[in-house]
Amino acid sequence: MRFFKHNHLMFIALSACAIAAACTSEKIVYRSGANFAAPATAAASFIGYFDAANKQTVCGSCHADYQTRWSQTKHASAWADLSANTGAAGYCQACHSTNNLGNAVTDTTVGYRSTQDARYHDVQCESCHGPGLTHASSPSQGNLPLASIQADTNATNGCGECHTGTHEPFVNQWKMANAAGLSHSHIQSHAVGGTDLACVGCHTAQGALARFNPTANYVEQVASVASITAANALPIVCAVCHDPHGSPNTHQLRYSISAPSVDQNLCVQCHQRYPSPVALTTRNSAHSPEGPTLFGLAGWFPPNWNAADTIIGTHGTPSANPGLCAGCHVQRFAVNKAGTSTFVFQDAGHSFIAAPCVDANGQPTTSQSCAQTSKTFRSCVQSGCHASETAAISAYNTDSLRVQQLVTMANSLIAKETVIKKAECAEAATTTLPAFTTCMGMVFNVSLAMKPGAFVHNPFLIEQLLIKNISQMQTQYGITPSVLYPLTPQIVLPSKNKGLFGRLFK
């Protein structure tokens, strides 16, 4: 049988380095890498493992860093996990081995599917990159098979070829999220092709990967973020949040989902734009302020605000909600037929809807327009934030009503002051923060309060911002709201967290 060899570059420091205080010279030594047996013709140039017992891929002989990271992922134990599952069926093997699924190959008789060889167990490099024999035999940049980051339910390439269906509906639910107005799975036309290149960094896969992993190389890559257009842009696909080669975070995530930080939390990498007023250009409103709201940093703080107080809601407290954003928006549930133990569907939580509309079995529906009675609040319980769905619903309705009352008062004050002196409330292209008025601050805080989910992310912050701002409006402008509601906190803080919020909640 024919064998192939690789040449490796190894940097070996001179032995003098072991005893010298400093070392300034190294020499490069070329050494032969491990041999690997030629794959069977039926494998169609897939090479797989050269040491299946130790999970050493042929690709990893040269790409050692990727091999090391990949070996710690669930993909590397895919075959063992399948073998341990008593309910596994023969058709499951295709997604737990290396073959045409996940790459551009369309022939279904390749890799493990044609050879049943253990060298193709697990989801290896070639599952995404395609057959590697040509590159391994004569390595060059020109014959390196690139992976695609496409994701779709009917894809013939990428993650969607396996991560779909009843048990693994990640891509199905990601695509369904559009029904709820979430935009991970579609391109918003106004976010590409404009002069503000920051938009594509959160609204397109290529733009986000240019931020998260500038050295990434994949089929759909573009020359620069400036060249991203509506025609070539991809939405926020799986590879934006998950590193296919592995990462030190759970689920191969590029950042932690548990870090209470606008800089280190995965979701907040994007969900943090315009959480507070900046120099005005075209609008005076919050834009994607979810992370800073969660952490008590969002909003316009009026002069009567006590700067020593930070209001971090229960949802933004790692001890109470370890998953933070994901604690509510990404929970997994096994869905059974109503009243039975018969499995129907595995909810992967990748619609990112915290309280989705569900059918009689509890499975999220395609349409996400329904009455509250048809929604499930089970994520609120599983995240650890609420003892029951009933308690979560009660808090939701109470907080929603309270915030709406304060917004009504705030809007009446804005309307009155606009009549008296429009410039106090209306934005202007030249307005900068030193000239930012109390009424403009009220306009901004109302926009923050009315952002979808804002009062859920941090009801205590939203309530206090509106209360303090309303009081400042009355004092400064000598006007009163057309309708009156209490200007004392009405949203009840859980007793176990009262010590966290300091003076505002005595």
Protein backbone atom coordinates (compact mmCIF):
# COMPACT_ATOMS: atom_id res chain seq x y z
CA MET A 1 0.00 0.00 0.00
CA ARG A 2 1.20 3.48 -0.85
CA PHE A 3 2.18 5.91 1.92
CA PHE A 4 2.54 9.67 2.00
CA LYS A 5 4.88 11.85 4.02
CA HIS A 6 4.69 15.46 5.22
CA ASN A 7 7.55 17.79 5.95
CA HIS A 8 7.15 19.76 9.18
CA LEU A 9 8.77 23.01 10.21
CA MET A 10 10.02 22.75 13.75
CA PHE A 11 11.77 25.54 15.59
CA ILE A 12 14.39 24.09 17.90
CA ALA A 13 16.27 26.47 20.14
CA LEU A 14 20.00 25.99 20.39
CA SER A 15 21.11 23.99 23.38
CA ALA A 16 22.94 27.04 24.63
CA CYS A 17 19.57 28.58 25.39
CA ALA A 18 19.20 26.21 28.29
CA ILE A 19 22.06 27.86 30.15
CA ALA A 20 22.31 31.30 28.62
CA ALA A 21 20.52 34.31 30.05
CA ALA A 22 19.29 35.26 26.60
CA CYS A 23 18.91 33.46 23.31
CA THR A 24 18.89 35.33 20.03
CA SER A 25 19.27 32.59 17.43
CA GLU A 26 17.20 29.60 16.40
CA LYS A 27 17.60 27.16 13.60
CA ILE A 28 14.86 25.62 11.53
CA VAL A 29 14.92 21.83 11.27
CA TYR A 30 12.91 19.92 8.67
CA ARG A 31 11.67 16.56 9.84
CA SER A 32 9.43 13.96 8.26
CA GLY A 33 5.97 13.77 9.71
CA ALA A 34 3.94 10.63 10.42
CA ASN A 35 3.13 8.42 7.45
CA PHE A 36 -0.46 7.70 6.64
CA ALA A 37 -1.94 4.86 4.67
CA ALA A 38 -3.44 5.68 1.30
CA PRO A 39 -7.22 5.84 1.57
CA ALA A 40 -9.37 3.36 -0.29
CA THR A 41 -10.52 4.45 -3.72
CA ALA A 42 -14.09 4.29 -2.49
CA ALA A 43 -13.32 6.99 0.10
CA ALA A 44 -13.00 9.50 -2.77
CA SER A 45 -9.86 11.25 -1.44
CA PHE A 46 -11.04 11.60 2.14
CA ILE A 47 -8.07 10.76 4.39
CA GLY A 48 -9.48 10.91 7.94
CA TYR A 49 -7.40 9.65 10.85
CA PHE A 50 -3.88 8.25 10.58
CA ASP A 51 -4.26 7.08 14.20
CA ALA A 52 -7.92 6.53 14.95
CA ALA A 53 -7.31 5.16 18.45
CA ASN A 54 -5.67 8.41 19.54
CA LYS A 55 -7.83 10.68 17.37
CA GLN A 56 -4.87 11.97 15.37
CA THR A 57 -6.09 13.31 12.04
CA VAL A 58 -3.83 13.41 9.02
CA CYS A 59 -4.62 17.12 8.70
CA GLY A 60 -3.52 17.64 12.30
CA SER A 61 -0.01 16.40 11.55
CA CYS A 62 0.69 19.84 10.10
CA HIS A 63 -2.15 21.90 11.52
CA ALA A 64 -1.28 21.01 15.11
CA ASP A 65 -3.03 23.96 16.74
CA TYR A 66 -6.33 23.17 15.05
CA GLN A 67 -5.91 19.47 15.88
CA THR A 68 -5.40 20.28 19.57
CA ARG A 69 -8.40 22.59 19.77
CA TRP A 70 -10.67 20.31 17.75
CA SER A 71 -9.81 17.30 19.91
CA GLN A 72 -11.56 18.99 22.85
CA THR A 73 -14.84 19.54 20.98
CA LYS A 74 -17.99 17.43 20.79
CA HIS A 75 -17.20 16.80 17.13
CA ALA A 76 -14.16 14.78 18.20
CA SER A 77 -16.31 12.46 20.32
CA ALA A 78 -19.24 12.25 17.91
CA TRP A 79 -18.85 8.54 17.19
CA ALA A 80 -18.39 7.56 20.84
CA ASP A 81 -21.44 9.61 21.81
CA LEU A 82 -23.50 7.89 19.13
CA SER A 83 -22.29 4.45 20.18
CA ALA A 84 -23.30 5.15 23.79
CA ASN A 85 -26.83 6.14 22.74
CA THR A 86 -29.16 3.16 23.06
CA GLY A 87 -31.67 4.81 20.77
CA ALA A 88 -29.23 5.34 17.90
CA ALA A 89 -30.24 4.18 14.43
CA GLY A 90 -28.11 3.38 11.39
CA TYR A 91 -29.02 6.60 9.65
CA CYS A 92 -27.47 8.57 12.51
CA GLN A 93 -23.97 7.45 11.50
CA ALA A 94 -23.72 9.90 8.61
CA CYS A 95 -23.73 12.92 10.91
CA HIS A 96 -21.33 11.31 13.37
CA SER A 97 -18.65 10.43 10.82
CA THR A 98 -16.62 12.06 8.05
CA ASN A 99 -18.18 12.01 4.58
CA ASN A 100 -19.97 14.39 2.20
CA LEU A 101 -22.10 16.06 4.89
CA GLY A 102 -20.94 19.55 5.86
CA ASN A 103 -18.85 20.19 2.75
CA ALA A 104 -19.31 20.81 -0.96
CA VAL A 105 -19.17 17.12 -1.99
CA THR A 106 -22.57 15.87 -3.19
CA ASP A 107 -21.67 12.19 -3.72
CA THR A 108 -23.21 10.25 -0.83
CA THR A 109 -20.83 7.27 -1.24
CA VAL A 110 -17.64 8.75 0.15
CA GLY A 111 -15.64 8.59 3.39
CA TYR A 112 -17.28 6.47 6.05
CA ARG A 113 -20.48 6.01 4.03
CA SER A 114 -18.62 3.96 1.42
CA THR A 115 -15.86 2.30 3.47
CA GLN A 116 -17.23 1.82 7.02
CA ASP A 117 -13.63 2.42 8.06
CA ALA A 118 -12.90 3.63 11.62
CA ARG A 119 -10.47 6.19 10.20
CA TYR A 120 -13.59 8.21 9.28
CA HIS A 121 -15.24 8.08 12.69
CA ASP A 122 -16.13 11.46 14.24
CA VAL A 123 -16.71 14.84 12.61
CA GLN A 124 -13.17 15.61 11.47
CA CYS A 125 -11.55 18.47 9.54
CA GLU A 126 -12.72 17.14 6.18
CA SER A 127 -16.34 17.17 7.31
CA CYS A 128 -16.24 20.93 6.77
CA HIS A 129 -13.31 21.34 4.39
CA GLY A 130 -13.92 18.42 2.05
CA PRO A 131 -11.46 15.73 0.87
CA GLY A 132 -7.86 16.51 1.81
CA LEU A 133 -5.77 13.95 -0.12
CA THR A 134 -4.50 16.38 -2.76
CA HIS A 135 -3.45 18.98 -0.21
CA ALA A 136 -1.88 16.42 2.15
CA SER A 137 0.09 14.82 -0.70
CA SER A 138 1.47 18.10 -2.02
CA PRO A 139 0.65 20.97 0.37
CA SER A 140 0.11 24.39 -1.14
CA GLN A 141 -2.18 27.32 -0.50
CA GLY A 142 -3.72 26.81 -3.90
CA ASN A 143 -5.08 23.33 -3.15
CA LEU A 144 -6.17 23.94 0.44
CA PRO A 145 -9.90 23.06 0.54
CA LEU A 146 -11.77 25.91 2.22
CA ALA A 147 -14.86 25.39 4.34
CA SER A 148 -18.13 27.21 3.75
CA ILE A 149 -19.92 29.08 6.54
CA GLN A 150 -23.29 28.88 4.81
CA ALA A 151 -26.24 27.82 6.96
CA ASP A 152 -29.68 26.85 5.76
CA THR A 153 -32.22 24.08 6.24
CA ASN A 154 -31.91 22.86 2.65
CA ALA A 155 -28.16 23.43 2.37
CA THR A 156 -25.83 21.14 0.42
CA ASN A 157 -22.88 22.54 2.35
CA GLY A 158 -22.11 23.80 5.85
CA CYS A 159 -23.54 23.21 9.34
CA GLY A 160 -27.13 22.85 8.15
CA GLU A 161 -26.54 19.44 6.59
CA CYS A 162 -26.46 17.90 10.06
CA HIS A 163 -27.68 20.46 12.56
CA THR A 164 -31.30 20.32 11.41
CA GLY A 165 -34.29 18.10 12.02
CA THR A 166 -36.22 16.83 15.01
CA HIS A 167 -33.24 16.16 17.30
CA GLU A 168 -30.79 18.86 16.17
CA PRO A 169 -32.97 21.76 14.92
CA PHE A 170 -30.34 24.45 15.44
CA VAL A 171 -30.49 25.79 11.89
CA ASN A 172 -34.26 25.31 11.63
CA GLN A 173 -34.82 27.46 14.70
CA TRP A 174 -32.16 29.99 13.70
CA LYS A 175 -34.02 30.47 10.42
CA MET A 176 -37.41 30.58 12.17
CA ALA A 177 -36.29 33.51 14.35
CA ASN A 178 -37.29 35.95 11.62
CA ALA A 179 -40.92 35.29 12.54
CA ALA A 180 -40.31 37.00 15.87
CA GLY A 181 -38.55 39.99 14.34
CA LEU A 182 -35.07 38.74 15.25
CA SER A 183 -32.50 39.20 12.55
CA HIS A 184 -29.70 36.67 13.01
CA SER A 185 -30.81 34.74 9.95
CA HIS A 186 -31.46 37.50 7.45
CA ILE A 187 -29.66 40.54 6.10
CA GLN A 188 -31.11 43.94 6.83
CA SER A 189 -30.61 45.92 3.64
CA HIS A 190 -29.94 49.22 5.41
CA ALA A 191 -27.00 47.66 7.28
CA VAL A 192 -24.86 46.92 4.21
CA GLY A 193 -23.46 49.09 1.47
CA GLY A 194 -23.54 52.24 3.60
CA THR A 195 -20.80 54.53 4.84
CA ASP A 196 -20.98 53.32 8.44
CA LEU A 197 -18.81 50.21 8.28
CA ALA A 198 -19.54 49.47 11.94
CA CYS A 199 -22.98 48.22 10.86
CA VAL A 200 -21.64 45.25 8.90
CA GLY A 201 -19.60 44.21 11.93
CA CYS A 202 -22.81 43.09 13.63
CA HIS A 203 -25.24 42.61 10.77
CA THR A 204 -23.17 40.35 8.50
CA ALA A 205 -21.16 37.19 9.05
CA GLN A 206 -18.12 38.50 7.16
CA GLY A 207 -18.10 41.73 9.15
CA ALA A 208 -18.45 39.95 12.48
CA LEU A 209 -15.71 37.43 11.66
CA ALA A 210 -13.40 40.27 10.63
CA ARG A 211 -13.78 41.47 14.23
CA PHE A 212 -13.77 38.13 16.04
CA ASN A 213 -11.24 36.21 13.95
CA PRO A 214 -9.38 38.41 11.43
CA THR A 215 -7.27 35.49 10.13
CA ALA A 216 -10.26 33.27 9.32
CA ASN A 217 -10.23 31.85 5.81
CA TYR A 218 -13.43 30.51 4.27
CA VAL A 219 -15.28 30.29 0.95
CA GLU A 220 -17.48 33.38 1.38
CA GLN A 221 -14.73 35.64 2.67
CA VAL A 222 -14.48 39.12 1.15
CA ALA A 223 -11.44 41.33 0.62
CA SER A 224 -12.45 43.83 3.32
CA VAL A 225 -15.50 44.98 5.25
CA ALA A 226 -15.80 47.87 2.80
CA SER A 227 -16.50 45.36 0.02
CA ILE A 228 -19.45 43.72 1.80
CA THR A 229 -22.63 44.31 -0.20
CA ALA A 230 -26.21 43.11 -0.12
CA ALA A 231 -25.27 40.67 -2.90
CA ASN A 232 -22.38 38.92 -1.11
CA ALA A 233 -23.22 39.38 2.57
CA LEU A 234 -24.20 36.46 4.77
CA PRO A 235 -26.34 36.84 7.91
CA ILE A 236 -25.13 35.90 11.40
CA VAL A 237 -24.47 32.22 10.70
CA CYS A 238 -23.33 29.51 13.13
CA ALA A 239 -19.61 30.16 12.61
CA VAL A 240 -19.95 33.75 13.84
CA CYS A 241 -20.70 32.63 17.39
CA HIS A 242 -19.15 29.15 17.32
CA ASP A 243 -15.51 28.57 16.36
CA PRO A 244 -15.49 25.40 14.20
CA HIS A 245 -11.94 24.62 15.32
CA GLY A 246 -12.80 24.78 19.01
CA SER A 247 -12.40 27.29 21.81
CA PRO A 248 -11.91 27.33 25.59
CA ASN A 249 -15.57 28.32 26.03
CA THR A 250 -18.54 25.99 26.22
CA HIS A 251 -20.09 24.85 22.94
CA GLN A 252 -17.08 26.18 20.99
CA LEU A 253 -18.30 29.74 21.54
CA ARG A 254 -15.93 32.54 20.59
CA TYR A 255 -16.61 34.41 23.84
CA SER A 256 -18.08 33.44 27.19
CA ILE A 257 -21.84 33.72 27.68
CA SER A 258 -21.38 34.03 31.45
CA ALA A 259 -19.08 37.05 31.60
CA PRO A 260 -20.92 40.07 33.08
CA SER A 261 -18.99 42.45 30.84
CA VAL A 262 -19.72 44.47 27.73
CA ASP A 263 -16.26 43.52 26.45
CA GLN A 264 -16.14 39.80 27.22
CA ASN A 265 -19.71 38.55 26.82
CA LEU A 266 -20.50 36.93 23.46
CA CYS A 267 -24.00 38.34 22.97
CA VAL A 268 -22.99 41.80 24.14
CA GLN A 269 -20.27 42.01 21.48
CA CYS A 270 -23.06 43.35 19.30
CA HIS A 271 -25.95 44.07 21.62
CA GLN A 272 -24.46 47.24 23.06
CA ARG A 273 -24.61 49.98 20.44
CA TYR A 274 -25.97 53.40 21.48
CA PRO A 275 -27.08 52.41 25.00
CA SER A 276 -26.62 56.04 26.05
CA PRO A 277 -26.68 59.39 24.19
CA VAL A 278 -23.77 60.34 21.98
CA ALA A 279 -23.23 63.38 19.77
CA LEU A 280 -26.47 63.49 17.80
CA THR A 281 -26.51 62.89 14.07
CA THR A 282 -29.77 61.47 12.81
CA ARG A 283 -31.59 60.19 15.86
CA ASN A 284 -31.87 60.48 19.61
CA SER A 285 -32.72 56.91 20.52
CA ALA A 286 -31.23 53.72 21.87
CA HIS A 287 -30.00 51.15 19.36
CA SER A 288 -29.24 47.59 20.47
CA PRO A 289 -28.71 48.54 24.15
CA GLU A 290 -29.52 45.13 25.65
CA GLY A 291 -26.15 44.32 27.25
CA PRO A 292 -25.56 47.66 28.97
CA THR A 293 -29.20 47.66 30.12
CA LEU A 294 -28.65 44.25 31.71
CA PHE A 295 -25.53 45.51 33.48
CA GLY A 296 -27.07 48.79 34.67
CA LEU A 297 -25.07 51.04 32.31
CA ALA A 298 -27.67 52.16 29.78
CA GLY A 299 -29.70 55.36 29.64
CA TRP A 300 -29.33 59.11 30.09
CA PHE A 301 -28.68 59.84 33.75
CA PRO A 302 -30.31 63.13 34.82
CA PRO A 303 -28.56 65.61 37.18
CA ASN A 304 -30.53 64.29 40.18
CA TRP A 305 -29.19 60.75 39.62
CA ASN A 306 -26.94 59.37 42.35
CA ALA A 307 -23.81 58.40 40.44
CA ALA A 308 -22.73 56.08 43.25
CA ASP A 309 -25.61 53.70 42.55
CA THR A 310 -25.48 50.98 39.93
CA ILE A 311 -28.67 49.07 39.25
CA ILE A 312 -27.91 45.57 38.02
CA GLY A 313 -31.07 43.56 37.59
CA THR A 314 -31.51 39.95 38.67
CA HIS A 315 -31.23 38.86 35.04
CA GLY A 316 -27.79 40.48 34.84
CA THR A 317 -26.48 38.89 38.02
CA PRO A 318 -24.32 35.79 37.36
CA SER A 319 -25.17 34.29 40.75
CA ALA A 320 -28.91 34.45 39.99
CA ASN A 321 -28.75 33.92 36.21
CA PRO A 322 -25.42 32.29 35.27
CA GLY A 323 -26.19 32.25 31.54
CA LEU A 324 -27.07 35.98 31.43
CA CYS A 325 -28.51 36.63 27.94
CA ALA A 326 -28.34 32.95 27.02
CA GLY A 327 -29.97 32.00 30.32
CA CYS A 328 -33.27 33.31 28.98
CA HIS A 329 -32.77 33.24 25.22
CA VAL A 330 -30.99 29.90 24.66
CA GLN A 331 -32.44 27.02 26.67
CA ARG A 332 -32.84 23.41 25.52
CA PHE A 333 -36.04 21.42 26.16
CA ALA A 334 -37.25 17.98 25.17
CA VAL A 335 -40.82 18.36 23.92
CA ASN A 336 -43.18 15.39 24.35
CA LYS A 337 -46.64 14.79 22.96
CA ALA A 338 -49.15 16.50 25.26
CA GLY A 339 -50.01 14.32 28.24
CA THR A 340 -47.55 11.56 27.31
CA SER A 341 -43.85 10.73 27.45
CA THR A 342 -43.63 10.30 23.67
CA PHE A 343 -40.82 12.43 22.27
CA VAL A 344 -41.83 14.95 19.61
CA PHE A 345 -39.10 17.54 19.29
CA GLN A 346 -35.85 18.77 20.83
CA ASP A 347 -36.08 22.52 21.30
CA ALA A 348 -32.48 23.70 20.83
CA GLY A 349 -33.23 27.25 21.93
CA HIS A 350 -31.80 28.69 18.72
CA SER A 351 -34.78 30.81 17.84
CA PHE A 352 -33.33 33.03 20.61
CA ILE A 353 -36.87 33.85 21.73
CA ALA A 354 -37.12 33.93 25.50
CA ALA A 355 -40.89 33.28 25.63
CA PRO A 356 -41.93 31.74 22.30
CA CYS A 357 -45.39 30.90 21.04
CA VAL A 358 -45.89 27.13 21.24
CA ASP A 359 -48.40 24.53 20.12
CA ALA A 360 -50.34 22.11 22.33
CA ASN A 361 -47.23 19.95 22.81
CA GLY A 362 -45.04 22.90 23.77
CA GLN A 363 -43.15 23.04 20.48
CA PRO A 364 -42.35 26.57 19.19
CA THR A 365 -44.54 27.47 16.23
CA THR A 366 -43.50 29.00 12.92
CA SER A 367 -45.72 32.00 13.54
CA GLN A 368 -44.69 33.95 16.60
CA SER A 369 -47.77 36.15 16.75
CA CYS A 370 -49.95 34.85 19.56
CA ALA A 371 -51.64 35.76 22.83
CA GLN A 372 -49.66 35.50 26.04
CA THR A 373 -51.65 32.39 26.97
CA SER A 374 -50.04 30.59 24.02
CA LYS A 375 -46.49 31.49 25.04
CA THR A 376 -44.19 29.43 27.26
CA PHE A 377 -42.11 31.07 29.98
CA ARG A 378 -40.26 27.85 30.82
CA SER A 379 -36.86 29.46 30.13
CA CYS A 380 -37.54 31.81 33.04
CA VAL A 381 -37.73 28.79 35.32
CA GLN A 382 -34.89 26.71 33.86
CA SER A 383 -32.53 29.71 33.96
CA GLY A 384 -33.07 29.88 37.73
CA CYS A 385 -34.60 33.37 37.71
CA HIS A 386 -38.17 32.41 38.64
CA ALA A 387 -39.70 29.61 40.69
CA SER A 388 -42.52 28.99 38.20
CA GLU A 389 -43.91 30.15 34.88
CA THR A 390 -46.83 31.70 36.77
CA ALA A 391 -44.42 33.81 38.80
CA ALA A 392 -42.54 34.86 35.68
CA ILE A 393 -45.74 35.87 33.89
CA SER A 394 -46.92 37.84 36.92
CA ALA A 395 -43.63 39.76 37.11
CA TYR A 396 -43.69 40.36 33.35
CA ASN A 397 -47.19 41.83 33.39
CA THR A 398 -46.62 43.92 36.51
CA ASP A 399 -43.36 45.39 35.26
CA SER A 400 -44.75 46.01 31.78
CA LEU A 401 -47.71 47.95 33.17
CA ARG A 402 -45.53 50.01 35.49
CA VAL A 403 -43.07 51.00 32.76
CA GLN A 404 -45.93 51.89 30.43
CA GLN A 405 -47.40 54.17 33.13
CA LEU A 406 -44.12 56.03 33.50
CA VAL A 407 -43.65 56.28 29.73
CA THR A 408 -47.14 57.84 29.48
CA MET A 409 -46.16 60.46 32.07
CA ALA A 410 -42.82 61.09 30.35
CA ASN A 411 -44.40 61.54 26.93
CA SER A 412 -46.90 64.05 28.27
CA LEU A 413 -44.03 66.12 29.71
CA ILE A 414 -42.11 65.93 26.43
CA ALA A 415 -45.21 67.09 24.55
CA LYS A 416 -45.72 70.05 26.92
CA GLU A 417 -42.10 71.20 26.81
CA THR A 418 -42.00 70.83 23.02
CA VAL A 419 -44.85 73.36 22.80
CA ILE A 420 -43.06 75.74 25.16
CA LYS A 421 -39.59 75.43 23.66
CA LYS A 422 -39.15 72.91 20.88
CA ALA A 423 -35.36 73.17 20.87
CA GLU A 424 -35.27 71.69 24.36
CA CYS A 425 -36.66 68.39 23.10
CA ALA A 426 -35.81 68.17 19.41
CA GLU A 427 -32.48 66.82 18.28
CA ALA A 428 -30.26 68.76 15.93
CA ALA A 429 -27.34 67.60 13.85
CA THR A 430 -24.99 69.89 15.76
CA THR A 431 -26.16 68.97 19.24
CA THR A 432 -23.39 67.53 21.39
CA LEU A 433 -23.46 66.16 24.89
CA PRO A 434 -22.58 69.41 26.70
CA ALA A 435 -25.68 70.92 25.13
CA PHE A 436 -27.81 67.83 25.69
CA THR A 437 -30.94 68.91 27.55
CA THR A 438 -33.08 67.21 30.16
CA CYS A 439 -35.93 66.90 27.67
CA MET A 440 -33.63 65.27 25.11
CA GLY A 441 -32.56 62.89 27.87
CA MET A 442 -36.20 62.07 28.51
CA VAL A 443 -36.71 61.35 24.81
CA PHE A 444 -33.75 58.98 24.90
CA ASN A 445 -34.87 57.21 28.07
CA VAL A 446 -38.34 56.68 26.64
CA SER A 447 -36.79 55.10 23.54
CA LEU A 448 -34.73 52.85 25.82
CA ALA A 449 -37.76 51.85 27.88
CA MET A 450 -39.73 50.98 24.75
CA LYS A 451 -37.04 48.77 23.18
CA PRO A 452 -38.34 45.19 22.96
CA GLY A 453 -37.58 43.42 26.20
CA ALA A 454 -35.97 46.44 27.92
CA PHE A 455 -38.18 46.30 30.97
CA VAL A 456 -37.42 42.57 31.26
CA HIS A 457 -33.66 42.97 30.94
CA ASN A 458 -33.53 45.39 33.87
CA PRO A 459 -36.91 46.63 35.15
CA PHE A 460 -35.31 48.32 38.18
CA LEU A 461 -33.00 50.47 36.03
CA ILE A 462 -35.75 51.42 33.57
CA GLU A 463 -38.14 52.40 36.35
CA GLN A 464 -35.58 54.53 38.16
CA LEU A 465 -34.38 56.28 34.98
CA LEU A 466 -37.95 57.32 34.17
CA ILE A 467 -38.77 58.35 37.75
CA LYS A 468 -35.65 60.48 38.14
CA ASN A 469 -36.03 62.00 34.68
CA ILE A 470 -39.70 62.86 35.24
CA SER A 471 -38.84 64.55 38.54
CA GLN A 472 -36.06 66.53 36.89
CA MET A 473 -38.39 67.62 34.07
CA GLN A 474 -40.95 68.92 36.58
CA THR A 475 -38.35 70.76 38.66
CA GLN A 476 -36.42 72.26 35.77
CA TYR A 477 -39.26 73.23 33.45
CA GLY A 478 -42.07 73.85 35.97
CA ILE A 479 -44.50 71.53 34.19
CA THR A 480 -46.55 68.57 35.40
CA PRO A 481 -47.62 65.39 33.58
CA SER A 482 -51.10 65.22 32.14
CA VAL A 483 -51.63 61.95 34.00
CA LEU A 484 -50.15 61.05 37.37
CA TYR A 485 -48.75 57.79 38.68
CA PRO A 486 -46.58 57.23 41.80
CA LEU A 487 -43.00 58.45 41.53
CA THR A 488 -41.77 55.94 44.08
CA PRO A 489 -40.43 52.51 43.01
CA GLN A 490 -43.29 50.08 42.42
CA ILE A 491 -41.36 47.21 40.85
CA VAL A 492 -40.55 44.80 43.65
CA LEU A 493 -36.95 43.76 43.97
CA PRO A 494 -36.40 40.13 45.08
CA SER A 495 -35.39 40.23 48.75
CA LYS A 496 -32.30 38.08 48.14
CA ASN A 497 -30.87 40.78 45.88
CA LYS A 498 -31.62 43.92 47.88
CA GLY A 499 -28.07 44.20 49.15
CA LEU A 500 -26.84 44.41 45.59
CA PHE A 501 -28.63 47.60 44.69
CA GLY A 502 -27.56 49.95 47.45
CA ARG A 503 -29.29 53.17 48.27
CA LEU A 504 -31.95 53.19 45.57
CA PHE A 505 -33.84 50.37 47.18
CA LYS A 506 -33.85 51.10 50.90
